């Protein structure tokens, strides 16, 4: 019964292409109206990421905000999400993930900028904010903000289960560890981290994210170097798969596009409003600075990390991965490239990615729940829910978990994208001010 209801709602949100149209439409709009800000100011984005001149008082640094948002992106979505996209849509799905990423960078810029514009300070001086706050402003009703938060909790719960399942499956394949045993280990470690002080999360992720990303990219670079002669063929397969005659005749292009768009959205989160919770708490001297930093995060996620995962699988011999699905597909590809070491490496790196995801979305959830109430019982209830979902997802692979995450994503996307379009003028005016004043070396400070 529950699965039928969830599938029915997902059919409306995803099957009618409602979200695809909204996602691409809003992405195209902000890309054009900002004069391709994600490309025009790309070098400036990178410069802002390493800027240490900003002072933090009651918030977190822009780099810490980048690491938290990247932590939730660079996780299960970059491994399991890419695997799912290729399994359903073939190599062509990666092309559409790229499109979503490039357009999504402008959407990510817009939502983070608005999060800065509509954030607030709590009585203790801490900053808080996010999509729920500007959704209320845009739609003129607090109920829409609460609905957004509830959709986010649905999504985060599903992601927690998906993350746990990916870890337990990969460890079972690599080391023969029973899924139930691994699930309980995950619960213990997660409980220790999530029931600790939330203020420690930015500091942990600030150190963890760059290290794990660097290790992963280094190994991918080795794979690409070893197979450099077939990279042109693989890139050709991606483009042909996205627009190929064979797919058009078989009526499969729609499935390919949907696979790339859905998993691209699941991976980079642009337009969903998830990263706005942390973007709002970053201490920067102008709202656009954090918008640009978050736009860069979308680029890193989709065009770098997701592409790296795709290369691991597409550069492997097809015979080595034939018949494999899910994390077994990725581990089979790594086994082809590096033998047993590759299988073990994916299990370990996924373990790190998974904790970064759980910590990142945990920070998101606690910030979002502040919108409803700052009472601790709500945050404690969410933490307990996460532990239950880790156990549920860890011991069994259930389609309802992906459906639950998709449902949360869908509602978040519809609400957030609607608010972004309504408040587009405020975002564009802020960018215009930044172009005229900050980039021309004049000082502009947010109160």
Protein backbone atom coordinates (compact mmCIF):
# COMPACT_ATOMS: atom_id res chain seq x y z
CA UNK A 1 0.00 0.00 0.00
CA UNK A 2 2.68 2.49 1.04
CA UNK A 3 4.83 1.64 -1.99
CA UNK A 4 1.85 2.17 -4.33
CA UNK A 5 1.20 5.62 -2.85
CA UNK A 6 4.87 6.61 -3.12
CA UNK A 7 5.12 5.27 -6.69
CA UNK A 8 1.95 7.13 -7.64
CA UNK A 9 3.31 10.43 -6.32
CA UNK A 10 6.66 9.81 -7.99
CA UNK A 11 4.82 9.07 -11.21
CA UNK A 12 3.27 12.54 -11.05
CA UNK A 13 6.49 14.32 -10.13
CA UNK A 14 8.88 12.40 -12.38
CA UNK A 15 6.77 10.45 -14.87
CA UNK A 16 5.06 13.59 -16.20
CA UNK A 17 8.47 15.27 -16.63
CA UNK A 18 7.24 18.10 -14.40
CA UNK A 19 10.50 18.25 -12.47
CA UNK A 20 12.64 17.86 -15.57
CA UNK A 21 10.96 20.85 -17.18
CA UNK A 22 11.23 22.93 -14.00
CA UNK A 23 14.83 21.95 -13.35
CA UNK A 24 16.08 22.61 -16.86
CA UNK A 25 13.85 25.66 -17.28
CA UNK A 26 15.04 27.40 -14.12
CA UNK A 27 18.64 26.39 -14.86
CA UNK A 28 18.45 27.86 -18.37
CA UNK A 29 16.76 31.01 -17.07
CA UNK A 30 19.41 31.79 -14.45
CA UNK A 31 22.22 30.81 -16.82
CA UNK A 32 21.01 33.35 -19.39
CA UNK A 33 19.90 36.12 -17.01
CA UNK A 34 23.15 35.97 -15.01
CA UNK A 35 25.08 36.13 -18.29
CA UNK A 36 26.46 32.61 -17.77
CA UNK A 37 27.78 33.40 -14.30
CA UNK A 38 29.03 29.83 -13.79
CA UNK A 39 31.42 30.21 -16.71
CA UNK A 40 31.99 33.95 -16.67
CA UNK A 41 33.19 34.00 -13.06
CA UNK A 42 34.66 30.50 -12.84
CA UNK A 43 38.19 31.70 -12.02
CA UNK A 44 36.73 34.05 -9.40
CA UNK A 45 34.85 31.12 -7.84
CA UNK A 46 38.10 29.24 -7.34
CA UNK A 47 39.74 32.33 -5.86
CA UNK A 48 36.90 32.79 -3.36
CA UNK A 49 37.22 29.20 -2.22
CA UNK A 50 40.71 29.81 -0.83
CA UNK A 51 40.01 33.36 0.39
CA UNK A 52 40.82 33.57 4.12
CA UNK A 53 40.06 37.25 4.59
CA UNK A 54 36.48 36.71 5.79
CA UNK A 55 35.88 36.74 9.54
CA UNK A 56 33.46 34.33 11.22
CA UNK A 57 31.33 35.40 14.19
CA UNK A 58 28.43 33.08 14.91
CA UNK A 59 28.71 31.26 11.59
CA UNK A 60 31.06 29.10 9.60
CA UNK A 61 33.61 29.95 6.92
CA UNK A 62 32.77 29.86 3.23
CA UNK A 63 35.24 27.00 2.78
CA UNK A 64 33.60 25.00 5.57
CA UNK A 65 30.21 25.57 3.93
CA UNK A 66 31.69 24.36 0.65
CA UNK A 67 33.04 21.23 2.35
CA UNK A 68 29.74 20.43 4.07
CA UNK A 69 27.73 20.79 0.85
CA UNK A 70 30.38 18.88 -1.11
CA UNK A 71 30.38 16.18 1.57
CA UNK A 72 26.69 15.49 1.03
CA UNK A 73 27.15 15.63 -2.75
CA UNK A 74 30.41 13.69 -2.94
CA UNK A 75 29.02 10.53 -1.48
CA UNK A 76 26.55 7.87 -2.45
CA UNK A 77 25.21 9.96 -5.33
CA UNK A 78 28.64 10.06 -6.94
CA UNK A 79 29.07 6.29 -6.72
CA UNK A 80 25.70 4.53 -6.41
CA UNK A 81 23.93 7.35 -8.28
CA UNK A 82 26.25 7.18 -11.28
CA UNK A 83 26.11 3.39 -11.28
CA UNK A 84 22.31 3.56 -11.30
CA UNK A 85 22.30 6.10 -14.14
CA UNK A 86 24.56 3.97 -16.34
CA UNK A 87 22.69 0.77 -15.43
CA UNK A 88 19.38 2.29 -16.56
CA UNK A 89 20.41 4.69 -19.31
CA UNK A 90 23.78 3.41 -20.47
CA UNK A 91 26.77 5.68 -21.23
CA UNK A 92 24.45 8.33 -22.71
CA UNK A 93 23.02 9.11 -19.26
CA UNK A 94 26.38 10.64 -18.31
CA UNK A 95 25.97 13.31 -21.00
CA UNK A 96 22.70 14.41 -19.47
CA UNK A 97 24.29 14.41 -16.02
CA UNK A 98 26.83 16.89 -17.44
CA UNK A 99 24.05 19.10 -18.81
CA UNK A 100 22.26 19.05 -15.46
CA UNK A 101 25.55 19.91 -13.73
CA UNK A 102 26.39 22.86 -15.98
CA UNK A 103 22.90 24.34 -15.78
CA UNK A 104 22.65 23.41 -12.11
CA UNK A 105 25.69 25.52 -11.26
CA UNK A 106 23.62 28.65 -11.97
CA UNK A 107 20.69 27.27 -9.98
CA UNK A 108 23.00 26.43 -7.09
CA UNK A 109 24.36 29.97 -7.29
CA UNK A 110 20.86 31.44 -7.12
CA UNK A 111 19.60 29.39 -4.17
CA UNK A 112 22.73 29.98 -2.07
CA UNK A 113 22.58 33.71 -2.77
CA UNK A 114 18.94 33.84 -1.67
CA UNK A 115 19.78 31.80 1.42
CA UNK A 116 22.24 34.53 2.37
CA UNK A 117 19.74 37.31 1.65
CA UNK A 118 16.96 35.76 3.78
CA UNK A 119 18.94 34.25 6.64
CA UNK A 120 18.44 35.31 10.24
CA UNK A 121 20.24 35.28 13.58
CA UNK A 122 18.97 33.31 16.54
CA UNK A 123 18.89 34.74 20.04
CA UNK A 124 22.27 33.20 20.85
CA UNK A 125 23.83 34.95 17.85
CA UNK A 126 24.13 31.89 15.60
CA UNK A 127 23.14 32.26 11.97
CA UNK A 128 20.37 30.11 10.50
CA UNK A 129 18.46 30.00 7.26
CA UNK A 130 17.87 28.02 4.10
CA UNK A 131 15.19 27.34 1.54
CA UNK A 132 12.36 27.15 4.07
CA UNK A 133 12.98 30.78 5.02
CA UNK A 134 12.88 32.20 1.51
CA UNK A 135 10.10 29.79 0.48
CA UNK A 136 7.92 31.40 3.17
CA UNK A 137 8.84 34.84 1.81
CA UNK A 138 8.19 33.87 -1.81
CA UNK A 139 4.91 31.99 -1.30
CA UNK A 140 3.66 34.13 1.58
CA UNK A 141 2.81 31.21 3.87
CA UNK A 142 4.82 29.48 6.58
CA UNK A 143 3.07 26.18 5.77
CA UNK A 144 5.04 25.91 2.53
CA UNK A 145 8.28 26.31 4.47
CA UNK A 146 7.23 23.52 6.84
CA UNK A 147 6.25 21.33 3.88
CA UNK A 148 9.72 21.84 2.42
CA UNK A 149 11.36 20.76 5.68
CA UNK A 150 9.20 17.62 5.89
CA UNK A 151 10.08 16.74 2.28
CA UNK A 152 13.76 17.21 3.15
CA UNK A 153 13.47 14.80 6.09
CA UNK A 154 11.86 12.21 3.79
CA UNK A 155 14.71 12.63 1.33
CA UNK A 156 17.49 12.57 3.94
CA UNK A 157 16.01 9.44 5.52
CA UNK A 158 15.96 7.65 2.18
CA UNK A 159 19.51 8.75 1.40
CA UNK A 160 20.70 7.41 4.76
CA UNK A 161 19.30 3.97 3.92
CA UNK A 162 20.76 4.02 0.38
CA UNK A 163 24.13 5.03 1.79
CA UNK A 164 24.08 2.21 4.34
CA UNK A 165 23.14 -0.37 1.71
CA UNK A 166 25.99 0.70 -0.58
CA UNK A 167 28.48 0.34 2.28
CA UNK A 168 27.26 -3.05 3.52
CA UNK A 169 27.13 -4.52 0.00
CA UNK A 170 30.61 -3.27 -0.89
CA UNK A 171 32.13 -4.54 2.39
CA UNK A 172 30.44 -7.90 1.96
CA UNK A 173 31.92 -8.20 -1.53
CA UNK A 174 35.37 -6.99 -0.50
CA UNK A 175 35.88 -8.54 2.93
CA UNK A 176 33.02 -11.00 3.40
CA UNK A 177 31.63 -9.03 6.36
CA UNK A 178 27.99 -9.88 7.06
CA UNK A 179 25.58 -7.05 6.16
CA UNK A 180 23.89 -7.11 9.56
CA UNK A 181 27.22 -6.87 11.39
CA UNK A 182 28.32 -3.98 9.16
CA UNK A 183 24.97 -2.25 9.66
CA UNK A 184 25.40 -2.27 13.43
CA UNK A 185 28.96 -0.94 13.08
CA UNK A 186 27.61 1.88 10.93
CA UNK A 187 24.96 2.63 13.54
CA UNK A 188 27.57 2.82 16.30
CA UNK A 189 29.90 5.15 14.39
CA UNK A 190 27.04 7.28 13.09
CA UNK A 191 25.49 7.54 16.55
CA UNK A 192 28.78 8.73 18.04
CA UNK A 193 29.16 11.40 15.38
CA UNK A 194 25.57 12.59 15.02
CA UNK A 195 24.81 12.73 18.74
CA UNK A 196 27.92 14.82 19.29
CA UNK A 197 28.06 18.58 18.94
CA UNK A 198 26.86 19.82 15.54
CA UNK A 199 29.52 22.55 15.67
CA UNK A 200 32.19 19.86 15.20
CA UNK A 201 30.79 18.73 11.84
CA UNK A 202 32.19 21.61 9.75
CA UNK A 203 35.68 21.08 11.22
CA UNK A 204 35.57 17.33 10.56
CA UNK A 205 34.39 17.71 6.98
CA UNK A 206 36.82 20.54 6.29
CA UNK A 207 39.62 18.00 6.73
CA UNK A 208 37.92 14.82 5.47
CA UNK A 209 36.46 16.01 2.14
CA UNK A 210 39.67 17.25 0.44
CA UNK A 211 41.61 14.14 1.50
CA UNK A 212 39.08 11.56 0.31
CA UNK A 213 38.42 13.42 -2.94
CA UNK A 214 42.15 13.69 -3.68
CA UNK A 215 42.71 9.95 -3.08
CA UNK A 216 39.77 9.01 -5.30
CA UNK A 217 40.82 11.33 -8.14
CA UNK A 218 44.41 10.11 -7.98
CA UNK A 219 43.33 6.52 -8.57
CA UNK A 220 41.01 7.57 -11.39
CA UNK A 221 43.88 9.50 -13.00
CA UNK A 222 45.95 6.30 -12.97
CA UNK A 223 43.09 4.39 -14.64
CA UNK A 224 42.69 7.04 -17.32
CA UNK A 225 46.45 7.17 -17.97
CA UNK A 226 46.59 3.37 -18.36
CA UNK A 227 43.67 3.46 -20.81
CA UNK A 228 44.35 6.78 -22.52
CA UNK A 229 44.11 5.29 -26.00
CA UNK A 230 40.46 4.25 -25.57
CA UNK A 231 39.21 7.42 -23.86
CA UNK A 232 38.14 8.99 -27.21
CA UNK A 233 36.05 5.88 -27.94
CA UNK A 234 34.40 6.05 -24.50
CA UNK A 235 33.59 9.74 -24.93
CA UNK A 236 32.10 8.88 -28.31
CA UNK A 237 29.91 6.22 -26.68
CA UNK A 238 28.64 8.79 -24.18
CA UNK A 239 27.62 11.24 -26.92
CA UNK A 240 26.22 8.55 -29.23
CA UNK A 241 24.31 7.03 -26.35
CA UNK A 242 22.74 10.41 -25.58
CA UNK A 243 21.54 11.07 -29.14
CA UNK A 244 22.04 7.76 -30.95
CA UNK A 245 19.79 6.48 -33.74
CA UNK A 246 19.53 3.09 -32.05
CA UNK A 247 18.16 4.64 -28.89
CA UNK A 248 15.69 6.80 -30.84
CA UNK A 249 14.30 3.82 -32.75
CA UNK A 250 13.92 1.84 -29.56
CA UNK A 251 12.18 4.73 -27.82
CA UNK A 252 14.93 4.76 -25.22
CA UNK A 253 16.12 8.36 -25.41
CA UNK A 254 13.49 9.45 -22.89
CA UNK A 255 14.71 6.81 -20.42
CA UNK A 256 18.32 7.85 -20.99
CA UNK A 257 17.56 11.54 -20.41
CA UNK A 258 15.49 10.74 -17.32
CA UNK A 259 18.20 8.50 -15.89
CA UNK A 260 20.82 11.22 -16.33
CA UNK A 261 18.60 14.03 -15.05
CA UNK A 262 17.30 12.15 -11.99
CA UNK A 263 20.66 10.80 -10.90
CA UNK A 264 22.38 14.08 -11.80
CA UNK A 265 19.92 15.89 -9.58
CA UNK A 266 20.34 13.29 -6.84
CA UNK A 267 24.10 13.76 -7.04
CA UNK A 268 24.62 17.52 -7.25
CA UNK A 269 21.37 18.59 -5.50
CA UNK A 270 21.25 21.87 -7.44
CA UNK A 271 17.76 23.35 -7.28
CA UNK A 272 16.65 21.15 -4.40
CA UNK A 273 17.47 23.63 -1.66
CA UNK A 274 19.49 21.17 0.42
CA UNK A 275 22.76 23.11 0.40
CA UNK A 276 21.00 26.37 1.27
CA UNK A 277 20.81 25.32 4.92
CA UNK A 278 24.59 25.50 5.22
CA UNK A 279 25.05 28.32 2.69
CA UNK A 280 22.96 30.58 4.92
CA UNK A 281 25.28 30.07 7.90
CA UNK A 282 28.49 31.00 6.05
CA UNK A 283 30.08 34.30 7.08
CA UNK A 284 30.77 36.26 3.88
CA UNK A 285 30.78 39.97 3.14
CA UNK A 286 28.38 39.67 0.20
CA UNK A 287 25.60 37.14 -0.54
CA UNK A 288 26.90 36.49 -4.05
CA UNK A 289 30.23 35.22 -2.68
CA UNK A 290 28.55 32.19 -1.15
CA UNK A 291 26.41 31.77 -4.24
CA UNK A 292 29.52 31.50 -6.38
CA UNK A 293 31.17 29.08 -3.96
CA UNK A 294 28.14 26.78 -4.04
CA UNK A 295 28.01 27.00 -7.83
CA UNK A 296 31.59 25.75 -7.90
CA UNK A 297 30.56 22.84 -5.68
CA UNK A 298 28.05 21.70 -8.33
CA UNK A 299 30.80 21.78 -10.96
CA UNK A 300 33.16 19.74 -8.77
CA UNK A 301 30.48 17.19 -8.01
CA UNK A 302 29.15 16.52 -11.50
CA UNK A 303 31.93 17.34 -13.91
CA UNK A 304 34.78 15.98 -11.80
CA UNK A 305 33.66 13.31 -9.30
CA UNK A 306 30.70 11.85 -11.22
CA UNK A 307 32.72 11.79 -14.45
CA UNK A 308 35.52 10.00 -12.59
CA UNK A 309 33.13 7.27 -11.43
CA UNK A 310 31.78 6.93 -14.97
CA UNK A 311 35.29 6.56 -16.34
CA UNK A 312 36.05 3.72 -13.92
CA UNK A 313 33.13 1.73 -15.30
CA UNK A 314 33.27 2.70 -18.97
CA UNK A 315 37.01 2.08 -19.27
CA UNK A 316 36.62 -1.47 -17.98
CA UNK A 317 36.27 -4.41 -20.36
CA UNK A 318 32.56 -5.07 -20.92
CA UNK A 319 33.05 -8.77 -20.27
CA UNK A 320 34.40 -8.03 -16.79
CA UNK A 321 31.20 -6.26 -15.70
CA UNK A 322 28.58 -8.10 -17.74
CA UNK A 323 25.50 -8.93 -15.72
CA UNK A 324 26.58 -6.86 -12.72
CA UNK A 325 24.39 -4.13 -11.20
CA UNK A 326 24.60 -1.71 -8.31
CA UNK A 327 27.82 -1.47 -6.32
CA UNK A 328 28.88 -4.87 -7.66
CA UNK A 329 29.16 -3.21 -11.08
CA UNK A 330 31.55 -0.55 -9.78
CA UNK A 331 33.57 -3.06 -7.79
CA UNK A 332 33.71 -5.36 -10.81
CA UNK A 333 35.16 -2.51 -12.84
CA UNK A 334 37.74 -1.75 -10.14
CA UNK A 335 38.61 -5.45 -10.00
CA UNK A 336 39.35 -5.28 -13.73
CA UNK A 337 41.61 -2.24 -13.27
CA UNK A 338 43.41 -3.14 -10.03
CA UNK A 339 42.39 -6.64 -8.98
CA UNK A 340 41.46 -7.29 -5.34
CA UNK A 341 43.02 -3.98 -4.31
CA UNK A 342 40.45 -2.12 -6.42
CA UNK A 343 37.53 -3.97 -4.84
CA UNK A 344 38.83 -3.24 -1.34
CA UNK A 345 39.58 0.38 -2.22
CA UNK A 346 36.02 1.07 -3.37
CA UNK A 347 34.68 -0.41 -0.13
CA UNK A 348 36.95 1.81 1.97
CA UNK A 349 36.47 5.00 -0.05
CA UNK A 350 32.71 4.44 -0.05
CA UNK A 351 32.87 4.10 3.73
CA UNK A 352 34.47 7.57 3.92
CA UNK A 353 32.10 9.02 1.33
CA UNK A 354 29.14 7.60 3.20
CA UNK A 355 30.11 9.17 6.51
CA UNK A 356 30.66 12.49 4.77
CA UNK A 357 27.16 12.19 3.29
CA UNK A 358 25.54 11.26 6.61
CA UNK A 359 27.31 14.08 8.43
CA UNK A 360 26.50 16.58 5.69
CA UNK A 361 22.80 15.81 5.47
CA UNK A 362 22.67 15.58 9.27
CA UNK A 363 23.87 19.18 9.44
CA UNK A 364 21.29 20.11 6.78
CA UNK A 365 18.49 18.40 8.69
CA UNK A 366 19.29 20.06 12.00
CA UNK A 367 19.42 23.49 10.35
CA UNK A 368 16.15 22.86 8.52
CA UNK A 369 14.44 21.67 11.69
CA UNK A 370 15.38 24.99 13.31
CA UNK A 371 12.79 26.53 11.00
CA UNK A 372 10.02 24.54 12.66
CA UNK A 373 11.35 24.77 16.20
CA UNK A 374 14.66 25.07 17.99
CA UNK A 375 13.58 22.42 20.50
CA UNK A 376 16.06 19.57 20.76
CA UNK A 377 13.45 16.81 20.64
CA UNK A 378 12.95 17.33 16.88
CA UNK A 379 16.66 16.99 16.17
CA UNK A 380 16.94 13.97 18.46
CA UNK A 381 13.99 12.35 16.73
CA UNK A 382 15.65 12.83 13.34
CA UNK A 383 18.91 11.28 14.59
CA UNK A 384 17.03 8.22 15.85
CA UNK A 385 15.20 7.98 12.51
CA UNK A 386 18.54 8.01 10.66
CA UNK A 387 19.85 5.12 12.77
CA UNK A 388 16.70 3.11 12.03
CA UNK A 389 17.02 3.81 8.30
CA UNK A 390 20.68 2.78 8.35
CA UNK A 391 19.69 -0.56 9.85
CA UNK A 392 16.81 -0.99 7.39
CA UNK A 393 18.88 -0.08 4.34
CA UNK A 394 22.00 -1.87 5.50
CA UNK A 395 20.49 -5.34 5.82
CA UNK A 396 18.30 -5.28 2.69
CA UNK A 397 18.16 -3.56 -0.68
CA UNK A 398 14.66 -2.21 -1.17
CA UNK A 399 13.30 -0.29 -4.15
CA UNK A 400 11.07 1.65 -1.76
CA UNK A 401 14.14 3.39 -0.32
CA UNK A 402 15.12 4.86 -3.70
CA UNK A 403 11.44 5.74 -4.23
CA UNK A 404 11.33 7.49 -0.85
CA UNK A 405 14.44 9.53 -1.68
CA UNK A 406 13.03 10.39 -5.12
CA UNK A 407 9.76 11.49 -3.52
CA UNK A 408 11.53 13.81 -1.11
CA UNK A 409 13.71 15.14 -3.93
CA UNK A 410 10.64 15.75 -6.05
CA UNK A 411 8.69 17.77 -3.51
CA UNK A 412 11.77 19.72 -2.47
CA UNK A 413 12.52 20.52 -6.10
CA UNK A 414 9.02 21.73 -6.96
CA UNK A 415 8.77 23.97 -3.89
CA UNK A 416 12.32 25.32 -4.07
CA UNK A 417 12.38 25.95 -7.83
CA UNK A 418 9.05 27.79 -7.59
CA UNK A 419 10.45 30.04 -4.86
CA UNK A 420 13.65 30.65 -6.83
CA UNK A 421 11.71 31.88 -9.84
CA UNK A 422 9.45 34.13 -7.74
CA UNK A 423 12.49 35.71 -6.02
CA UNK A 424 14.60 35.88 -9.19
CA UNK A 425 14.68 39.68 -9.15
CA UNK A 426 16.32 39.83 -5.71
CA UNK A 427 18.98 37.33 -6.78
CA UNK A 428 19.77 39.12 -10.03
CA UNK A 429 19.94 42.51 -8.30
CA UNK A 430 22.41 41.12 -5.80
CA UNK A 431 24.60 39.81 -8.63
CA UNK A 432 24.41 43.15 -10.41
CA UNK A 433 25.54 44.90 -7.24
CA UNK A 434 28.42 42.44 -6.91
CA UNK A 435 29.50 42.97 -10.51
CA UNK A 436 29.41 46.76 -10.17
CA UNK A 437 30.83 47.20 -6.69
CA UNK A 438 32.76 44.21 -5.33
CA UNK A 439 34.42 43.19 -8.57
CA UNK A 440 35.36 46.84 -9.12
CA UNK A 441 37.09 46.76 -5.69
CA UNK A 442 34.45 48.79 -3.86
CA UNK A 443 33.39 47.58 -0.43
CA UNK A 444 29.96 46.07 0.20
CA UNK A 445 29.08 44.49 3.53
CA UNK A 446 26.04 42.48 4.61
CA UNK A 447 24.49 43.46 7.92
